[in-house]
Amino acid sequence: MDKILIVDDETDFVELLKFRLTDLACEFLVANDGVHALSLARQFKPNIILLDILLPDLDGVSVCEILRRQPATKKIPIIFMSALSREVTRRTLSVDASDFFIKPLDLPRLQQRIFSLLKRDDASKSGAQQAAATS
């Protein structure tokens, strides 16, 4: 089963997001701060990370930078979510994020983006399995 790591310190927002994304039939992991997000990402290697920028202890951009430096997590798609202005998106572009959504989120568009990233992930796994079978 695909795993989505949601990283946000607003509990109500996280619950709403999980409810609205149930059609994806994924397992949801939740972190309320950057340090916990790093721990969960390393341990479970989710298929996608939904990452708020403003977090206690370690901001989302720093979390993304750390994940991009580690071989086990560097290819996980990361979608930033923030109520901050578009000027902040420039900083997120430097850390190789897959996308950026401004809160309040366009949930149908977010769901479609997640679905397309999961399909891409499935296709790359299938290709890797076929390559391993023929070697």
N, C-alpha and C. Protein backbone atom coordinates (compact mmCIF):
# COMPACT_ATOMS: atom_id res chain seq x y z
N MET A 1 0.84 -1.18 0.00
CA MET A 1 0.00 0.00 0.00
C MET A 1 0.89 1.24 0.00
N ASP A 2 0.51 2.22 -0.82
CA ASP A 2 1.26 3.47 -0.87
C ASP A 2 1.12 4.23 0.44
N LYS A 3 2.19 4.96 0.79
CA LYS A 3 2.19 5.74 2.02
C LYS A 3 2.37 7.22 1.69
N ILE A 4 1.59 8.06 2.37
CA ILE A 4 1.72 9.50 2.25
C ILE A 4 2.04 10.05 3.63
N LEU A 5 3.13 10.78 3.72
CA LEU A 5 3.51 11.44 4.96
C LEU A 5 2.99 12.87 4.91
N ILE A 6 2.11 13.21 5.85
CA ILE A 6 1.58 14.57 5.96
C ILE A 6 2.31 15.25 7.12
N VAL A 7 2.93 16.38 6.82
CA VAL A 7 3.69 17.11 7.83
C VAL A 7 3.08 18.49 8.00
N ASP A 8 2.37 18.68 9.11
CA ASP A 8 1.73 19.95 9.40
C ASP A 8 1.42 20.00 10.89
N ASP A 9 1.57 21.16 11.50
CA ASP A 9 1.32 21.27 12.93
C ASP A 9 -0.12 21.63 13.27
N GLU A 10 -0.99 21.77 12.29
CA GLU A 10 -2.40 22.06 12.52
C GLU A 10 -3.20 20.76 12.43
N THR A 11 -3.56 20.21 13.58
CA THR A 11 -4.22 18.91 13.66
C THR A 11 -5.52 18.86 12.87
N ASP A 12 -6.34 19.91 12.95
CA ASP A 12 -7.61 19.93 12.22
C ASP A 12 -7.37 19.88 10.71
N PHE A 13 -6.36 20.61 10.26
CA PHE A 13 -6.04 20.61 8.83
C PHE A 13 -5.60 19.21 8.38
N VAL A 14 -4.78 18.55 9.19
CA VAL A 14 -4.30 17.20 8.86
C VAL A 14 -5.48 16.24 8.75
N GLU A 15 -6.41 16.30 9.70
CA GLU A 15 -7.57 15.41 9.68
C GLU A 15 -8.44 15.67 8.45
N LEU A 16 -8.65 16.93 8.11
CA LEU A 16 -9.41 17.27 6.91
C LEU A 16 -8.71 16.73 5.66
N LEU A 17 -7.42 16.89 5.58
CA LEU A 17 -6.66 16.41 4.44
C LEU A 17 -6.76 14.89 4.30
N LYS A 18 -6.60 14.19 5.40
CA LYS A 18 -6.72 12.72 5.37
C LYS A 18 -8.11 12.31 4.89
N PHE A 19 -9.14 12.98 5.40
CA PHE A 19 -10.51 12.67 5.00
C PHE A 19 -10.72 12.91 3.51
N ARG A 20 -10.23 14.04 3.01
CA ARG A 20 -10.44 14.40 1.60
C ARG A 20 -9.60 13.54 0.65
N LEU A 21 -8.56 12.91 1.15
CA LEU A 21 -7.69 12.09 0.29
C LEU A 21 -7.95 10.59 0.45
N THR A 22 -9.01 10.21 1.14
CA THR A 22 -9.28 8.78 1.37
C THR A 22 -9.50 8.02 0.07
N ASP A 23 -9.95 8.68 -0.98
CA ASP A 23 -10.16 8.01 -2.27
C ASP A 23 -8.87 7.43 -2.84
N LEU A 24 -7.74 7.92 -2.38
CA LEU A 24 -6.45 7.43 -2.89
C LEU A 24 -6.08 6.07 -2.31
N ALA A 25 -6.80 5.63 -1.28
CA ALA A 25 -6.55 4.32 -0.65
C ALA A 25 -5.08 4.15 -0.25
N CYS A 26 -4.58 5.13 0.47
CA CYS A 26 -3.20 5.14 0.94
C CYS A 26 -3.17 5.05 2.45
N GLU A 27 -2.01 4.66 2.96
CA GLU A 27 -1.77 4.73 4.39
C GLU A 27 -1.20 6.12 4.68
N PHE A 28 -1.73 6.77 5.72
CA PHE A 28 -1.26 8.10 6.07
C PHE A 28 -0.37 8.05 7.31
N LEU A 29 0.78 8.69 7.20
CA LEU A 29 1.66 8.90 8.34
C LEU A 29 1.59 10.39 8.64
N VAL A 30 1.67 10.77 9.91
CA VAL A 30 1.54 12.17 10.28
C VAL A 30 2.66 12.60 11.20
N ALA A 31 3.24 13.75 10.88
CA ALA A 31 4.24 14.38 11.74
C ALA A 31 3.80 15.82 11.98
N ASN A 32 3.97 16.28 13.20
CA ASN A 32 3.57 17.65 13.55
C ASN A 32 4.75 18.61 13.60
N ASP A 33 5.95 18.11 13.34
CA ASP A 33 7.13 18.98 13.32
C ASP A 33 8.18 18.39 12.39
N GLY A 34 9.19 19.19 12.10
CA GLY A 34 10.20 18.79 11.14
C GLY A 34 11.07 17.62 11.58
N VAL A 35 11.43 17.56 12.84
CA VAL A 35 12.28 16.48 13.33
C VAL A 35 11.54 15.14 13.24
N HIS A 36 10.28 15.12 13.64
CA HIS A 36 9.49 13.89 13.54
C HIS A 36 9.30 13.50 12.07
N ALA A 37 9.13 14.48 11.21
CA ALA A 37 8.98 14.21 9.77
C ALA A 37 10.22 13.50 9.22
N LEU A 38 11.40 13.97 9.61
CA LEU A 38 12.64 13.32 9.15
C LEU A 38 12.70 11.88 9.62
N SER A 39 12.33 11.66 10.87
CA SER A 39 12.36 10.31 11.43
C SER A 39 11.41 9.38 10.67
N LEU A 40 10.17 9.83 10.45
CA LEU A 40 9.19 9.00 9.73
C LEU A 40 9.60 8.76 8.28
N ALA A 41 10.15 9.78 7.64
CA ALA A 41 10.58 9.62 6.24
C ALA A 41 11.71 8.60 6.13
N ARG A 42 12.64 8.63 7.05
CA ARG A 42 13.75 7.67 7.03
C ARG A 42 13.27 6.26 7.34
N GLN A 43 12.36 6.15 8.28
CA GLN A 43 11.89 4.83 8.71
C GLN A 43 10.95 4.18 7.70
N PHE A 44 10.00 4.93 7.16
CA PHE A 44 8.95 4.33 6.33
C PHE A 44 9.10 4.59 4.83
N LYS A 45 9.95 5.52 4.44
CA LYS A 45 10.17 5.87 3.03
C LYS A 45 8.83 5.99 2.28
N PRO A 46 8.05 7.01 2.64
CA PRO A 46 6.74 7.18 2.00
C PRO A 46 6.85 7.44 0.51
N ASN A 47 5.76 7.20 -0.20
CA ASN A 47 5.74 7.44 -1.64
C ASN A 47 5.69 8.93 -1.95
N ILE A 48 5.07 9.71 -1.06
CA ILE A 48 4.92 11.16 -1.23
C ILE A 48 4.95 11.81 0.14
N ILE A 49 5.49 13.02 0.20
CA ILE A 49 5.46 13.81 1.43
C ILE A 49 4.73 15.12 1.13
N LEU A 50 3.69 15.40 1.93
CA LEU A 50 2.99 16.69 1.89
C LEU A 50 3.55 17.50 3.04
N LEU A 51 4.22 18.59 2.74
CA LEU A 51 5.07 19.26 3.73
C LEU A 51 4.73 20.74 3.87
N ASP A 52 4.29 21.12 5.07
CA ASP A 52 4.07 22.54 5.38
C ASP A 52 5.42 23.21 5.52
N ILE A 53 5.48 24.50 5.24
CA ILE A 53 6.74 25.22 5.37
C ILE A 53 6.97 25.70 6.80
N LEU A 54 5.92 26.26 7.41
CA LEU A 54 6.06 26.78 8.77
C LEU A 54 5.78 25.67 9.77
N LEU A 55 6.84 25.17 10.40
CA LEU A 55 6.74 24.09 11.37
C LEU A 55 7.53 24.44 12.62
N PRO A 56 7.14 23.87 13.75
CA PRO A 56 7.97 24.06 14.95
C PRO A 56 9.31 23.34 14.78
N ASP A 57 10.33 23.85 15.31
CA ASP A 57 11.68 23.32 15.43
C ASP A 57 12.51 23.27 14.15
N LEU A 58 11.95 22.92 13.03
CA LEU A 58 12.71 22.82 11.78
C LEU A 58 11.73 23.07 10.64
N ASP A 59 11.95 24.13 9.86
CA ASP A 59 10.98 24.48 8.82
C ASP A 59 10.99 23.47 7.67
N GLY A 60 9.93 23.49 6.88
CA GLY A 60 9.76 22.52 5.81
C GLY A 60 10.85 22.56 4.75
N VAL A 61 11.34 23.74 4.43
CA VAL A 61 12.40 23.83 3.43
C VAL A 61 13.67 23.14 3.94
N SER A 62 13.98 23.32 5.22
CA SER A 62 15.14 22.64 5.81
C SER A 62 14.94 21.13 5.81
N VAL A 63 13.73 20.69 6.12
CA VAL A 63 13.41 19.25 6.08
C VAL A 63 13.67 18.72 4.67
N CYS A 64 13.18 19.43 3.69
CA CYS A 64 13.37 19.00 2.30
C CYS A 64 14.86 18.95 1.94
N GLU A 65 15.61 19.97 2.34
CA GLU A 65 17.05 19.98 2.05
C GLU A 65 17.75 18.76 2.65
N ILE A 66 17.40 18.42 3.87
CA ILE A 66 18.01 17.26 4.53
C ILE A 66 17.63 15.97 3.81
N LEU A 67 16.36 15.83 3.47
CA LEU A 67 15.90 14.61 2.77
C LEU A 67 16.57 14.47 1.40
N ARG A 68 16.80 15.57 0.72
CA ARG A 68 17.43 15.53 -0.61
C ARG A 68 18.89 15.13 -0.54
N ARG A 69 19.52 15.30 0.61
CA ARG A 69 20.95 14.94 0.76
C ARG A 69 21.14 13.47 1.12
N GLN A 70 20.07 12.77 1.47
CA GLN A 70 20.20 11.38 1.92
C GLN A 70 19.76 10.42 0.80
N PRO A 71 20.60 9.47 0.44
CA PRO A 71 20.27 8.55 -0.67
C PRO A 71 18.92 7.85 -0.52
N ALA A 72 18.55 7.45 0.67
CA ALA A 72 17.31 6.69 0.87
C ALA A 72 16.05 7.54 0.68
N THR A 73 16.17 8.86 0.79
CA THR A 73 14.98 9.72 0.73
C THR A 73 15.05 10.77 -0.37
N LYS A 74 16.14 10.85 -1.09
CA LYS A 74 16.32 11.96 -2.02
C LYS A 74 15.34 11.97 -3.19
N LYS A 75 14.76 10.84 -3.54
CA LYS A 75 13.85 10.80 -4.69
C LYS A 75 12.37 10.82 -4.32
N ILE A 76 12.06 10.91 -3.03
CA ILE A 76 10.66 10.94 -2.61
C ILE A 76 10.05 12.27 -3.08
N PRO A 77 8.95 12.23 -3.82
CA PRO A 77 8.30 13.49 -4.22
C PRO A 77 7.81 14.26 -2.99
N ILE A 78 8.09 15.55 -2.99
CA ILE A 78 7.68 16.41 -1.89
C ILE A 78 6.81 17.53 -2.44
N ILE A 79 5.62 17.65 -1.87
CA ILE A 79 4.71 18.73 -2.24
C ILE A 79 4.61 19.68 -1.06
N PHE A 80 5.03 20.92 -1.27
CA PHE A 80 4.92 21.92 -0.22
C PHE A 80 3.50 22.46 -0.15
N MET A 81 3.07 22.75 1.08
CA MET A 81 1.78 23.37 1.33
C MET A 81 2.04 24.54 2.27
N SER A 82 1.52 25.73 1.94
CA SER A 82 1.77 26.86 2.82
C SER A 82 0.77 27.97 2.60
N ALA A 83 0.52 28.73 3.64
CA ALA A 83 -0.31 29.92 3.55
C ALA A 83 0.56 31.13 3.18
N LEU A 84 1.84 30.93 3.06
CA LEU A 84 2.76 32.02 2.74
C LEU A 84 2.60 32.44 1.28
N SER A 85 3.07 33.63 0.98
CA SER A 85 2.94 34.16 -0.37
C SER A 85 3.81 33.40 -1.37
N ARG A 86 3.59 33.69 -2.62
CA ARG A 86 4.34 33.04 -3.69
C ARG A 86 5.83 33.37 -3.65
N GLU A 87 6.22 34.46 -2.99
CA GLU A 87 7.64 34.79 -2.91
C GLU A 87 8.43 33.67 -2.24
N VAL A 88 7.80 32.98 -1.31
CA VAL A 88 8.46 31.88 -0.63
C VAL A 88 8.71 30.72 -1.58
N THR A 89 7.91 30.62 -2.62
CA THR A 89 8.07 29.49 -3.55
C THR A 89 9.44 29.53 -4.22
N ARG A 90 10.03 30.70 -4.36
CA ARG A 90 11.36 30.77 -4.96
C ARG A 90 12.37 29.97 -4.14
N ARG A 91 12.28 30.06 -2.82
CA ARG A 91 13.19 29.29 -1.96
C ARG A 91 12.91 27.80 -2.09
N THR A 92 11.64 27.43 -2.25
CA THR A 92 11.32 26.01 -2.38
C THR A 92 11.82 25.44 -3.70
N LEU A 93 11.92 26.25 -4.74
CA LEU A 93 12.41 25.76 -6.02
C LEU A 93 13.86 25.31 -5.93
N SER A 94 14.61 25.91 -5.03
CA SER A 94 16.03 25.56 -4.90
C SER A 94 16.24 24.21 -4.23
N VAL A 95 15.19 23.62 -3.65
CA VAL A 95 15.35 22.34 -2.96
C VAL A 95 14.65 21.20 -3.71
N ASP A 96 14.30 21.40 -4.93
CA ASP A 96 13.78 20.34 -5.78
C ASP A 96 12.45 19.75 -5.27
N ALA A 97 11.51 20.63 -4.97
CA ALA A 97 10.17 20.17 -4.59
C ALA A 97 9.41 19.76 -5.85
N SER A 98 8.49 18.82 -5.70
CA SER A 98 7.69 18.37 -6.84
C SER A 98 6.58 19.34 -7.17
N ASP A 99 6.09 20.07 -6.16
CA ASP A 99 5.01 21.02 -6.39
C ASP A 99 4.85 21.90 -5.17
N PHE A 100 4.02 22.94 -5.32
CA PHE A 100 3.76 23.88 -4.24
C PHE A 100 2.29 24.27 -4.29
N PHE A 101 1.58 24.11 -3.18
CA PHE A 101 0.17 24.48 -3.09
C PHE A 101 0.01 25.53 -2.00
N ILE A 102 -0.73 26.58 -2.32
CA ILE A 102 -1.00 27.63 -1.34
C ILE A 102 -2.30 27.31 -0.62
N LYS A 103 -2.28 27.46 0.72
CA LYS A 103 -3.48 27.25 1.53
C LYS A 103 -4.36 28.48 1.43
N PRO A 104 -5.67 28.33 1.38
CA PRO A 104 -6.39 27.06 1.41
C PRO A 104 -6.15 26.28 0.12
N LEU A 105 -6.00 24.99 0.28
CA LEU A 105 -5.62 24.13 -0.84
C LEU A 105 -6.76 23.92 -1.82
N ASP A 106 -6.39 23.79 -3.08
CA ASP A 106 -7.31 23.33 -4.11
C ASP A 106 -7.25 21.80 -4.01
N LEU A 107 -8.12 21.22 -3.19
CA LEU A 107 -8.03 19.79 -2.89
C LEU A 107 -8.22 18.88 -4.11
N PRO A 108 -9.15 19.16 -5.02
CA PRO A 108 -9.22 18.30 -6.21
C PRO A 108 -7.92 18.32 -7.02
N ARG A 109 -7.31 19.50 -7.15
CA ARG A 109 -6.04 19.59 -7.89
C ARG A 109 -4.92 18.86 -7.15
N LEU A 110 -4.89 19.00 -5.81
CA LEU A 110 -3.89 18.29 -5.02
C LEU A 110 -4.07 16.78 -5.16
N GLN A 111 -5.29 16.31 -5.08
CA GLN A 111 -5.56 14.88 -5.21
C GLN A 111 -5.10 14.38 -6.58
N GLN A 112 -5.36 15.13 -7.62
CA GLN A 112 -4.93 14.73 -8.97
C GLN A 112 -3.40 14.70 -9.06
N ARG A 113 -2.74 15.65 -8.44
CA ARG A 113 -1.27 15.70 -8.48
C ARG A 113 -0.68 14.50 -7.74
N ILE A 114 -1.25 14.18 -6.58
CA ILE A 114 -0.79 13.02 -5.82
C ILE A 114 -1.01 11.76 -6.63
N PHE A 115 -2.17 11.62 -7.24
CA PHE A 115 -2.48 10.45 -8.05
C PHE A 115 -1.46 10.29 -9.18
N SER A 116 -1.12 11.38 -9.85
CA SER A 116 -0.16 11.28 -10.96
C SER A 116 1.23 10.92 -10.45
N LEU A 117 1.62 11.44 -9.29
CA LEU A 117 2.93 11.07 -8.72
C LEU A 117 2.96 9.60 -8.30
N LEU A 118 1.86 9.10 -7.75
CA LEU A 118 1.79 7.69 -7.37
C LEU A 118 1.86 6.78 -8.59
N LYS A 119 1.18 7.17 -9.68
CA LYS A 119 1.25 6.38 -10.92
C LYS A 119 2.66 6.36 -11.47
N ARG A 120 3.33 7.50 -11.41
CA ARG A 120 4.72 7.57 -11.89
C ARG A 120 5.62 6.67 -11.05
N ASP A 121 5.39 6.69 -9.73
CA ASP A 121 6.17 5.85 -8.82
C ASP A 121 5.93 4.37 -9.11
N ASP A 122 4.67 4.00 -9.35
CA ASP A 122 4.35 2.61 -9.68
C ASP A 122 5.01 2.19 -10.98
N ALA A 123 5.02 3.08 -11.96
CA ALA A 123 5.63 2.77 -13.26
C ALA A 123 7.14 2.58 -13.11
N SER A 124 7.79 3.40 -12.30
CA SER A 124 9.24 3.25 -12.13
C SER A 124 9.58 1.98 -11.36
N LYS A 125 8.75 1.61 -10.37
CA LYS A 125 8.98 0.35 -9.66
C LYS A 125 8.79 -0.83 -10.58
N SER A 126 7.77 -0.78 -11.43
CA SER A 126 7.50 -1.86 -12.36
C SER A 126 8.68 -2.03 -13.34
N GLY A 127 9.20 -0.89 -13.81
CA GLY A 127 10.34 -0.94 -14.72
C GLY A 127 11.57 -1.51 -14.05
N ALA A 128 11.79 -1.16 -12.79
CA ALA A 128 12.95 -1.67 -12.04
C ALA A 128 12.81 -3.18 -11.81
N GLN A 129 11.59 -3.63 -11.53
CA GLN A 129 11.37 -5.07 -11.32
C GLN A 129 11.59 -5.84 -12.62
N GLN A 130 11.15 -5.29 -13.74
CA GLN A 130 11.35 -5.96 -15.03
C GLN A 130 12.84 -6.02 -15.37
N ALA A 131 13.57 -4.95 -15.09
CA ALA A 131 15.00 -4.93 -15.36
C ALA A 131 15.73 -5.96 -14.49
N ALA A 132 15.32 -6.09 -13.24
CA ALA A 132 15.96 -7.04 -12.34
C ALA A 132 15.65 -8.48 -12.78
N ALA A 133 14.46 -8.71 -13.30
CA ALA A 133 14.05 -10.05 -13.72
C ALA A 133 14.83 -10.50 -14.98
N THR A 134 15.21 -9.55 -15.82
CA THR A 134 15.91 -9.91 -17.05
C THR A 134 17.42 -9.97 -16.88
N SER A 135 17.93 -9.50 -15.73
CA SER A 135 19.38 -9.54 -15.54
C SER A 135 19.85 -10.84 -14.98
